[in-house]
């Protein structure tokens, strides 16, 4: 290749060393090579293994700690250990990451609403198949509380609770873990200052129909009703 033919080609930027170290350690955790409770080698050993400086290792460990994959314990028997990841921790991390992504051009409100459709419609179907009497009671209580709430914040809180119970009734932890951050970011950042006339009447009506379908174990109806309901809810969010 001649020198002139290289003009205008993009230069590939190498990822920072600490990110590469974090990536490799993360792979050891996710692959099972490092298990929950395992102690990582000390900083200077990791630095030697990866051929980097100790500050680079330290920064890589900070990245993993921020993702709740490792934690540090003090004392004579302390060190850095692989953490046990729980659902709430992952959900909180997703919420933070999603909130940051919405500040840029890559993630739009429409994309978030579409993702919610993908998660909550099958969740409603599962709820109709797997719900128990406690779920039905919670859904009915949420509807009754919605009807007496007057403040915008309180009404949306009960609305959110209804949808949480639907997802919980579906019995799929992963659906809830992914859906809850979407719901929280949408409500905290993209709600309109006011909703159209008749919005809450439509919400109450839809929730009642959803409850009936879930009570009747009609999965097809529950899925269809949730799809229609989520389309109607889009009026509450900014474009």
Protein backbone atom coordinates (compact mmCIF):
# COMPACT_ATOMS: atom_id res chain seq x y z
CA UNK A 1 0.00 0.00 0.00
CA UNK A 2 1.46 3.35 -1.01
CA UNK A 3 1.69 6.26 1.46
CA UNK A 4 -0.89 8.24 -0.50
CA UNK A 5 -3.44 5.41 -0.26
CA UNK A 6 -3.49 5.65 3.56
CA UNK A 7 -4.79 9.21 3.60
CA UNK A 8 -8.21 9.60 5.21
CA UNK A 9 -8.24 6.17 6.88
CA UNK A 10 -9.61 6.17 10.44
CA UNK A 11 -7.09 5.42 13.17
CA UNK A 12 -8.13 2.57 15.44
CA UNK A 13 -7.85 3.68 19.05
CA UNK A 14 -6.72 1.04 21.53
CA UNK A 15 -8.90 0.63 24.62
CA UNK A 16 -7.25 1.91 27.81
CA UNK A 17 -5.21 -0.72 29.63
CA UNK A 18 -7.40 -0.64 32.75
CA UNK A 19 -10.49 -1.43 30.65
CA UNK A 20 -8.72 -4.37 29.03
CA UNK A 21 -7.72 -5.70 32.45
CA UNK A 22 -11.29 -5.22 33.71
CA UNK A 23 -12.62 -7.05 30.63
CA UNK A 24 -10.37 -10.05 31.21
CA UNK A 25 -11.18 -10.24 34.91
CA UNK A 26 -14.89 -9.92 34.12
CA UNK A 27 -14.57 -12.81 31.68
CA UNK A 28 -13.01 -14.94 34.42
CA UNK A 29 -16.00 -14.18 36.66
CA UNK A 30 -18.73 -14.71 34.07
CA UNK A 31 -17.11 -17.91 32.77
CA UNK A 32 -16.97 -19.39 36.27
CA UNK A 33 -13.19 -19.51 36.43
CA UNK A 34 -13.56 -17.16 39.40
CA UNK A 35 -16.54 -17.98 41.61
CA UNK A 36 -18.51 -16.06 44.22
CA UNK A 37 -16.35 -15.60 47.30
CA UNK A 38 -13.05 -16.27 45.52
CA UNK A 39 -10.26 -13.93 46.49
CA UNK A 40 -8.42 -12.19 43.67
CA UNK A 41 -4.62 -12.04 43.70
CA UNK A 42 -3.19 -8.90 45.28
CA UNK A 43 -2.50 -5.86 43.13
CA UNK A 44 1.18 -6.47 42.43
CA UNK A 45 0.49 -10.06 41.37
CA UNK A 46 -2.24 -8.94 38.99
CA UNK A 47 0.04 -6.22 37.65
CA UNK A 48 2.73 -8.80 36.89
CA UNK A 49 0.28 -11.21 35.26
CA UNK A 50 -1.19 -8.55 32.99
CA UNK A 51 2.05 -6.66 32.42
CA UNK A 52 0.61 -3.36 33.63
CA UNK A 53 1.17 -0.96 36.51
CA UNK A 54 -0.50 -1.27 39.90
CA UNK A 55 -2.51 1.95 39.37
CA UNK A 56 -3.90 0.37 36.18
CA UNK A 57 -4.96 -2.72 38.14
CA UNK A 58 -6.46 -0.51 40.83
CA UNK A 59 -8.55 1.35 38.26
CA UNK A 60 -9.71 -1.93 36.69
CA UNK A 61 -10.86 -3.15 40.10
CA UNK A 62 -12.76 0.11 40.64
CA UNK A 63 -14.61 -0.54 37.38
CA UNK A 64 -15.56 -4.05 38.48
CA UNK A 65 -16.59 -2.78 41.92
CA UNK A 66 -18.85 -0.15 40.30
CA UNK A 67 -20.50 -3.03 38.42
CA UNK A 68 -20.87 -4.91 41.73
CA UNK A 69 -18.78 -7.82 40.48
CA UNK A 70 -16.13 -7.51 43.20
CA UNK A 71 -15.87 -5.95 46.64
CA UNK A 72 -13.05 -5.17 49.05
CA UNK A 73 -12.82 -6.35 52.64
CA UNK A 74 -10.43 -4.80 55.16
CA UNK A 75 -8.34 -6.48 57.81
CA UNK A 76 -5.71 -9.24 57.98
CA UNK A 77 -7.85 -11.65 55.99
CA UNK A 78 -9.16 -8.96 53.68
CA UNK A 79 -8.65 -8.42 49.99
CA UNK A 80 -10.73 -8.19 46.84
CA UNK A 81 -13.39 -10.87 46.45
CA UNK A 82 -15.89 -11.88 43.78
CA UNK A 83 -19.31 -10.61 44.86
CA UNK A 84 -22.61 -12.39 44.85
CA UNK A 85 -24.71 -10.48 42.33
CA UNK A 86 -28.36 -10.04 43.26
CA UNK A 87 -31.29 -8.99 41.11
CA UNK A 88 -31.79 -5.61 42.79
CA UNK A 89 -28.13 -4.74 42.35
CA UNK A 90 -28.21 -5.53 38.64
CA UNK A 91 -31.46 -3.62 38.25
CA UNK A 92 -29.98 -0.55 39.97
CA UNK A 93 -26.90 -0.72 37.75
CA UNK A 94 -29.08 -0.96 34.64
CA UNK A 95 -31.11 2.04 35.78
CA UNK A 96 -27.99 4.14 36.27
CA UNK A 97 -26.54 3.10 32.92
CA UNK A 98 -29.81 3.66 31.09
CA UNK A 99 -30.23 7.07 32.67
CA UNK A 100 -26.77 8.07 31.46
CA UNK A 101 -27.43 6.72 27.97
CA UNK A 102 -30.53 8.87 27.60
CA UNK A 103 -28.35 11.98 27.89
CA UNK A 104 -26.79 11.10 24.53
CA UNK A 105 -28.15 10.58 21.02
CA UNK A 106 -28.09 6.78 20.99
CA UNK A 107 -31.14 5.96 23.13
CA UNK A 108 -34.47 7.67 22.45
CA UNK A 109 -37.73 7.71 24.38
CA UNK A 110 -39.39 5.77 21.56
CA UNK A 111 -36.77 3.04 21.81
CA UNK A 112 -37.36 2.77 25.55
CA UNK A 113 -41.12 2.53 25.04
CA UNK A 114 -40.63 -0.14 22.37
CA UNK A 115 -38.38 -2.10 24.71
CA UNK A 116 -41.06 -1.90 27.37
CA UNK A 117 -43.57 -3.35 24.89
CA UNK A 118 -41.23 -6.27 24.24
CA UNK A 119 -40.96 -6.99 27.98
CA UNK A 120 -44.42 -6.30 29.39
CA UNK A 121 -46.65 -7.90 26.76
CA UNK A 122 -45.20 -11.41 27.29
CA UNK A 123 -45.08 -10.70 31.03
CA UNK A 124 -48.85 -10.14 31.00
CA UNK A 125 -49.33 -13.44 29.16
CA UNK A 126 -47.21 -15.24 31.74
CA UNK A 127 -49.08 -13.52 34.57
CA UNK A 128 -52.36 -14.94 33.29
CA UNK A 129 -50.86 -18.42 33.31
CA UNK A 130 -48.96 -18.26 36.60
CA UNK A 131 -50.72 -15.79 38.89
CA UNK A 132 -51.92 -16.75 42.34
CA UNK A 133 -54.58 -15.31 44.63
CA UNK A 134 -52.10 -12.96 46.30
CA UNK A 135 -51.21 -11.41 42.94
CA UNK A 136 -54.88 -10.88 42.15
CA UNK A 137 -55.46 -9.22 45.52
CA UNK A 138 -52.47 -6.90 45.01
CA UNK A 139 -53.62 -5.92 41.53
CA UNK A 140 -57.11 -5.15 42.78
CA UNK A 141 -55.76 -3.09 45.67
CA UNK A 142 -53.53 -1.11 43.30
CA UNK A 143 -56.52 -0.30 41.09
CA UNK A 144 -58.59 0.81 44.08
CA UNK A 145 -55.79 3.04 45.37
CA UNK A 146 -55.29 4.56 41.92
CA UNK A 147 -58.89 5.71 41.86
CA UNK A 148 -58.64 7.71 45.09
CA UNK A 149 -55.21 9.26 44.49
CA UNK A 150 -55.20 12.85 43.30
CA UNK A 151 -51.56 13.89 43.15
CA UNK A 152 -49.63 13.20 39.95
CA UNK A 153 -46.76 11.53 41.81
CA UNK A 154 -49.06 9.31 43.88
CA UNK A 155 -51.10 8.21 40.88
CA UNK A 156 -48.02 7.25 38.90
CA UNK A 157 -46.66 5.41 41.94
CA UNK A 158 -49.77 3.21 42.10
CA UNK A 159 -49.74 2.82 38.32
CA UNK A 160 -46.15 1.63 38.52
CA UNK A 161 -47.03 -0.78 41.33
CA UNK A 162 -49.79 -2.37 39.22
CA UNK A 163 -47.33 -3.05 36.41
CA UNK A 164 -44.73 -4.36 38.85
CA UNK A 165 -47.20 -6.90 40.20
CA UNK A 166 -48.15 -8.02 36.68
CA UNK A 167 -44.49 -8.70 35.92
CA UNK A 168 -43.96 -10.42 39.28
CA UNK A 169 -47.00 -12.61 38.66
CA UNK A 170 -45.35 -13.79 35.46
CA UNK A 171 -42.71 -15.46 37.58
CA UNK A 172 -39.76 -14.47 35.38
CA UNK A 173 -37.13 -12.63 37.41
CA UNK A 174 -35.21 -11.53 34.32
CA UNK A 175 -38.24 -9.74 32.86
CA UNK A 176 -38.65 -7.79 36.08
CA UNK A 177 -34.95 -7.03 36.35
CA UNK A 178 -34.92 -5.50 32.86
CA UNK A 179 -38.32 -3.83 32.93
CA UNK A 180 -38.09 -2.02 36.25
CA UNK A 181 -35.12 0.19 35.24
CA UNK A 182 -36.95 1.18 32.04
CA UNK A 183 -40.03 2.14 34.02
CA UNK A 184 -38.07 4.17 36.59
CA UNK A 185 -36.06 6.10 34.00
CA UNK A 186 -39.15 6.84 31.91
CA UNK A 187 -41.03 8.14 34.93
CA UNK A 188 -38.15 10.12 36.41
CA UNK A 189 -36.94 11.80 33.22
CA UNK A 190 -39.57 11.75 30.50
CA UNK A 191 -43.02 12.22 32.02
CA UNK A 192 -44.96 15.18 30.65
CA UNK A 193 -45.80 17.92 33.17
CA UNK A 194 -49.46 17.06 32.63
CA UNK A 195 -51.37 14.26 30.93
CA UNK A 196 -54.22 14.56 28.40
CA UNK A 197 -57.82 14.74 29.56
CA UNK A 198 -59.24 11.30 30.19
CA UNK A 199 -55.81 9.72 30.60
CA UNK A 200 -56.38 8.39 34.10
CA UNK A 201 -59.87 7.16 33.28
CA UNK A 202 -58.34 5.17 30.43
CA UNK A 203 -55.64 3.80 32.75
CA UNK A 204 -58.22 2.68 35.33
CA UNK A 205 -60.33 1.07 32.62
CA UNK A 206 -57.36 -0.75 31.07
CA UNK A 207 -56.11 -1.99 34.41
CA UNK A 208 -59.55 -3.39 35.21
CA UNK A 209 -59.65 -5.29 31.91
CA UNK A 210 -56.13 -6.60 32.48
CA UNK A 211 -57.04 -7.79 35.95
CA UNK A 212 -60.06 -9.65 34.58
CA UNK A 213 -58.00 -11.35 31.86
CA UNK A 214 -55.32 -12.37 34.35
CA UNK A 215 -57.95 -13.61 36.79
CA UNK A 216 -59.57 -15.66 33.99
CA UNK A 217 -56.15 -17.06 32.99
CA UNK A 218 -56.74 -15.77 29.46
CA UNK A 219 -53.15 -15.30 28.31
CA UNK A 220 -54.00 -14.13 24.78
CA UNK A 221 -56.39 -11.47 26.05
CA UNK A 222 -53.92 -10.32 28.71
CA UNK A 223 -51.16 -9.90 26.12
CA UNK A 224 -53.40 -8.05 23.67
CA UNK A 225 -54.76 -5.76 26.38
CA UNK A 226 -51.28 -4.94 27.66
CA UNK A 227 -50.13 -4.10 24.13
CA UNK A 228 -53.05 -1.71 23.66
CA UNK A 229 -52.54 -0.22 27.12
CA UNK A 230 -48.85 0.51 26.53
CA UNK A 231 -49.67 2.31 23.28
CA UNK A 232 -52.17 4.51 25.15
CA UNK A 233 -49.58 5.27 27.84
CA UNK A 234 -47.24 6.89 25.33
CA UNK A 235 -49.27 10.10 25.62
CA UNK A 236 -47.81 10.52 29.11
CA UNK A 237 -44.22 10.77 27.88
CA UNK A 238 -42.36 13.44 25.96
CA UNK A 239 -41.63 12.80 22.29
